[in-house]
Amino acid sequence: MLKESILKFLKLDSLMTHLSGYLEARIELLKVEIKEDIARAVARTIIYVILAFVATLFIFFISIAVAYMLGEHMGVFGGFAVVAAFYALIGVILWVTRNTISEKLEQQLKGIMKQTKK
């Protein structure tokens, strides 16, 4: 009772009401912004997964075509062996340079995250 009368006397009761309303509005705005960011991230992730799937299918079928083309000249086994060796070489190169690649990707992701925060 005394607290309420002091707040009314100093006209702080309306200030407290406005402040609590402001805080509630800010919290709701933050929730909406977070939901939008999550929706954007999920949409981008889905697009990248679809693109990766299509790229994988392309690489798979083009590899089979190249293997058969090489197989006409070296035998079917030889054609597929050359294509497999090519992918093994790429795998070894990626394995050897994995730390460097990881660091570069990490730096790029940090830069992207800094840009989206601004």
C-alpha atoms as a PDB file:
ATOM      1  CA  MET A   1       0.000   0.000   0.000  1.00  0.00           C
ATOM      2  CA  LEU A   2       2.744   2.434   0.943  1.00  0.00           C
ATOM      3  CA  LYS A   3       4.785   1.396  -2.074  1.00  0.00           C
ATOM      4  CA  GLU A   4       1.857   2.043  -4.416  1.00  0.00           C
ATOM      5  CA  SER A   5       1.147   5.462  -2.923  1.00  0.00           C
ATOM      6  CA  ILE A   6       4.804   6.482  -3.196  1.00  0.00           C
ATOM      7  CA  LEU A   7       4.890   5.348  -6.843  1.00  0.00           C
ATOM      8  CA  LYS A   8       1.722   7.330  -7.568  1.00  0.00           C
ATOM      9  CA  PHE A   9       3.060  10.359  -5.760  1.00  0.00           C
ATOM     10  CA  LEU A  10       6.255  10.321  -7.807  1.00  0.00           C
ATOM     11  CA  LYS A  11       4.253   9.388 -10.948  1.00  0.00           C
ATOM     12  CA  LEU A  12       6.432   6.327 -11.418  1.00  0.00           C
ATOM     13  CA  ASP A  13       3.519   3.913 -11.690  1.00  0.00           C
ATOM     14  CA  SER A  14       2.906   4.806 -15.350  1.00  0.00           C
ATOM     15  CA  LEU A  15       6.641   4.674 -15.984  1.00  0.00           C
ATOM     16  CA  MET A  16       6.759   1.134 -14.561  1.00  0.00           C
ATOM     17  CA  THR A  17       3.783   0.148 -16.717  1.00  0.00           C
ATOM     18  CA  HIS A  18       5.394   1.561 -19.844  1.00  0.00           C
ATOM     19  CA  LEU A  19       8.738  -0.025 -19.020  1.00  0.00           C
ATOM     20  CA  SER A  20       7.196  -3.463 -18.509  1.00  0.00           C
ATOM     21  CA  GLY A  21       5.236  -3.053 -21.764  1.00  0.00           C
ATOM     22  CA  TYR A  22       8.407  -2.047 -23.577  1.00  0.00           C
ATOM     23  CA  LEU A  23      10.284  -5.084 -22.244  1.00  0.00           C
ATOM     24  CA  GLU A  24       7.459  -7.420 -23.255  1.00  0.00           C
ATOM     25  CA  ALA A  25       7.416  -5.926 -26.750  1.00  0.00           C
ATOM     26  CA  ARG A  26      11.196  -6.296 -27.089  1.00  0.00           C
ATOM     27  CA  ILE A  27      11.018  -9.932 -25.986  1.00  0.00           C
ATOM     28  CA  GLU A  28       8.280 -10.649 -28.538  1.00  0.00           C
ATOM     29  CA  LEU A  29      10.289  -8.908 -31.259  1.00  0.00           C
ATOM     30  CA  LEU A  30      13.346 -10.968 -30.364  1.00  0.00           C
ATOM     31  CA  LYS A  31      11.274 -14.164 -30.580  1.00  0.00           C
ATOM     32  CA  VAL A  32      10.007 -13.205 -34.027  1.00  0.00           C
ATOM     33  CA  GLU A  33      13.518 -12.357 -35.230  1.00  0.00           C
ATOM     34  CA  ILE A  34      14.858 -15.677 -33.945  1.00  0.00           C
ATOM     35  CA  LYS A  35      12.057 -17.568 -35.686  1.00  0.00           C
ATOM     36  CA  GLU A  36      12.827 -15.750 -38.944  1.00  0.00           C
ATOM     37  CA  ASP A  37      16.540 -16.538 -38.638  1.00  0.00           C
ATOM     38  CA  ILE A  38      15.796 -20.205 -37.961  1.00  0.00           C
ATOM     39  CA  ALA A  39      13.399 -20.389 -40.915  1.00  0.00           C
ATOM     40  CA  ARG A  40      16.010 -18.779 -43.185  1.00  0.00           C
ATOM     41  CA  ALA A  41      18.710 -21.194 -41.988  1.00  0.00           C
ATOM     42  CA  VAL A  42      16.484 -24.238 -42.456  1.00  0.00           C
ATOM     43  CA  ALA A  43      15.479 -23.104 -45.960  1.00  0.00           C
ATOM     44  CA  ARG A  44      19.110 -22.586 -46.945  1.00  0.00           C
ATOM     45  CA  THR A  45      20.085 -25.945 -45.480  1.00  0.00           C
ATOM     46  CA  ILE A  46      17.362 -27.713 -47.455  1.00  0.00           C
ATOM     47  CA  ILE A  47      18.471 -26.018 -50.675  1.00  0.00           C
ATOM     48  CA  TYR A  48      22.115 -26.957 -50.050  1.00  0.00           C
ATOM     49  CA  VAL A  49      21.162 -30.575 -49.302  1.00  0.00           C
ATOM     50  CA  ILE A  50      19.170 -30.768 -52.544  1.00  0.00           C
ATOM     51  CA  LEU A  51      22.054 -29.188 -54.484  1.00  0.00           C
ATOM     52  CA  ALA A  52      24.520 -31.623 -52.909  1.00  0.00           C
ATOM     53  CA  PHE A  53      22.266 -34.548 -53.826  1.00  0.00           C
ATOM     54  CA  VAL A  54      21.973 -33.395 -57.446  1.00  0.00           C
ATOM     55  CA  ALA A  55      25.725 -32.790 -57.648  1.00  0.00           C
ATOM     56  CA  THR A  56      26.370 -36.245 -56.233  1.00  0.00           C
ATOM     57  CA  LEU A  57      24.093 -37.830 -58.843  1.00  0.00           C
ATOM     58  CA  PHE A  58      25.843 -35.855 -61.576  1.00  0.00           C
ATOM     59  CA  ILE A  59      29.295 -36.913 -60.417  1.00  0.00           C
ATOM     60  CA  PHE A  60      28.138 -40.525 -60.051  1.00  0.00           C
ATOM     61  CA  PHE A  61      26.719 -40.769 -63.553  1.00  0.00           C
ATOM     62  CA  ILE A  62      29.487 -38.817 -65.244  1.00  0.00           C
ATOM     63  CA  SER A  63      31.997 -41.105 -63.516  1.00  0.00           C
ATOM     64  CA  ILE A  64      30.227 -44.162 -64.882  1.00  0.00           C
ATOM     65  CA  ALA A  65      30.204 -42.611 -68.365  1.00  0.00           C
ATOM     66  CA  VAL A  66      33.933 -41.810 -68.190  1.00  0.00           C
ATOM     67  CA  ALA A  67      34.700 -45.280 -66.872  1.00  0.00           C
ATOM     68  CA  TYR A  68      32.824 -46.899 -69.756  1.00  0.00           C
ATOM     69  CA  MET A  69      34.506 -44.577 -72.255  1.00  0.00           C
ATOM     70  CA  LEU A  70      37.929 -45.495 -70.868  1.00  0.00           C
ATOM     71  CA  GLY A  71      36.797 -49.107 -70.731  1.00  0.00           C
ATOM     72  CA  GLU A  72      36.409 -49.168 -74.500  1.00  0.00           C
ATOM     73  CA  HIS A  73      40.160 -48.613 -74.801  1.00  0.00           C
ATOM     74  CA  MET A  74      41.556 -50.405 -71.737  1.00  0.00           C
ATOM     75  CA  GLY A  75      38.876 -52.918 -70.853  1.00  0.00           C
ATOM     76  CA  VAL A  76      35.933 -52.354 -68.517  1.00  0.00           C
ATOM     77  CA  PHE A  77      37.932 -53.120 -65.377  1.00  0.00           C
ATOM     78  CA  GLY A  78      40.710 -50.749 -66.432  1.00  0.00           C
ATOM     79  CA  GLY A  79      38.277 -47.891 -67.062  1.00  0.00           C
ATOM     80  CA  PHE A  80      36.644 -48.248 -63.661  1.00  0.00           C
ATOM     81  CA  ALA A  81      40.053 -48.668 -62.004  1.00  0.00           C
ATOM     82  CA  VAL A  82      41.278 -45.369 -63.487  1.00  0.00           C
ATOM     83  CA  VAL A  83      38.163 -43.526 -62.287  1.00  0.00           C
ATOM     84  CA  ALA A  84      38.484 -45.114 -58.840  1.00  0.00           C
ATOM     85  CA  ALA A  85      42.160 -44.152 -58.675  1.00  0.00           C
ATOM     86  CA  PHE A  86      41.237 -40.568 -59.556  1.00  0.00           C
ATOM     87  CA  TYR A  87      38.775 -40.426 -56.653  1.00  0.00           C
ATOM     88  CA  ALA A  88      41.299 -42.094 -54.354  1.00  0.00           C
ATOM     89  CA  LEU A  89      43.834 -39.411 -55.285  1.00  0.00           C
ATOM     90  CA  ILE A  90      41.315 -36.668 -54.522  1.00  0.00           C
ATOM     91  CA  GLY A  91      40.566 -38.368 -51.184  1.00  0.00           C
ATOM     92  CA  VAL A  92      44.253 -38.534 -50.252  1.00  0.00           C
ATOM     93  CA  ILE A  93      44.769 -34.877 -51.169  1.00  0.00           C
ATOM     94  CA  LEU A  94      41.751 -33.876 -49.059  1.00  0.00           C
ATOM     95  CA  TRP A  95      42.968 -36.013 -46.158  1.00  0.00           C
ATOM     96  CA  VAL A  96      46.436 -34.450 -46.229  1.00  0.00           C
ATOM     97  CA  THR A  97      45.110 -30.890 -46.447  1.00  0.00           C
ATOM     98  CA  ARG A  98      42.110 -31.363 -44.112  1.00  0.00           C
ATOM     99  CA  ASN A  99      43.470 -29.086 -41.357  1.00  0.00           C
ATOM    100  CA  THR A 100      44.202 -26.229 -43.740  1.00  0.00           C
ATOM    101  CA  ILE A 101      40.814 -26.578 -45.411  1.00  0.00           C
ATOM    102  CA  SER A 102      39.092 -26.751 -42.034  1.00  0.00           C
ATOM    103  CA  GLU A 103      40.792 -23.578 -40.820  1.00  0.00           C
ATOM    104  CA  LYS A 104      39.889 -21.687 -43.998  1.00  0.00           C
ATOM    105  CA  LEU A 105      36.263 -22.805 -43.790  1.00  0.00           C
ATOM    106  CA  GLU A 106      36.132 -21.816 -40.131  1.00  0.00           C
ATOM    107  CA  GLN A 107      37.440 -18.338 -40.941  1.00  0.00           C
ATOM    108  CA  GLN A 108      34.912 -17.911 -43.754  1.00  0.00           C
ATOM    109  CA  LEU A 109      32.032 -19.042 -41.527  1.00  0.00           C
ATOM    110  CA  LYS A 110      33.113 -16.620 -38.805  1.00  0.00           C
ATOM    111  CA  GLY A 111      33.153 -13.829 -41.385  1.00  0.00           C
ATOM    112  CA  ILE A 112      29.683 -14.762 -42.604  1.00  0.00           C
ATOM    113  CA  MET A 113      28.354 -14.849 -39.041  1.00  0.00           C
ATOM    114  CA  LYS A 114      29.833 -11.424 -38.307  1.00  0.00           C
ATOM    115  CA  GLN A 115      28.157 -10.008 -41.410  1.00  0.00           C
ATOM    116  CA  THR A 116      24.715 -11.356 -40.455  1.00  0.00           C
ATOM    117  CA  LYS A 117      24.948  -9.902 -36.921  1.00  0.00           C
ATOM    118  CA  LYS A 118      25.399  -6.344 -38.209  1.00  0.00           C
END
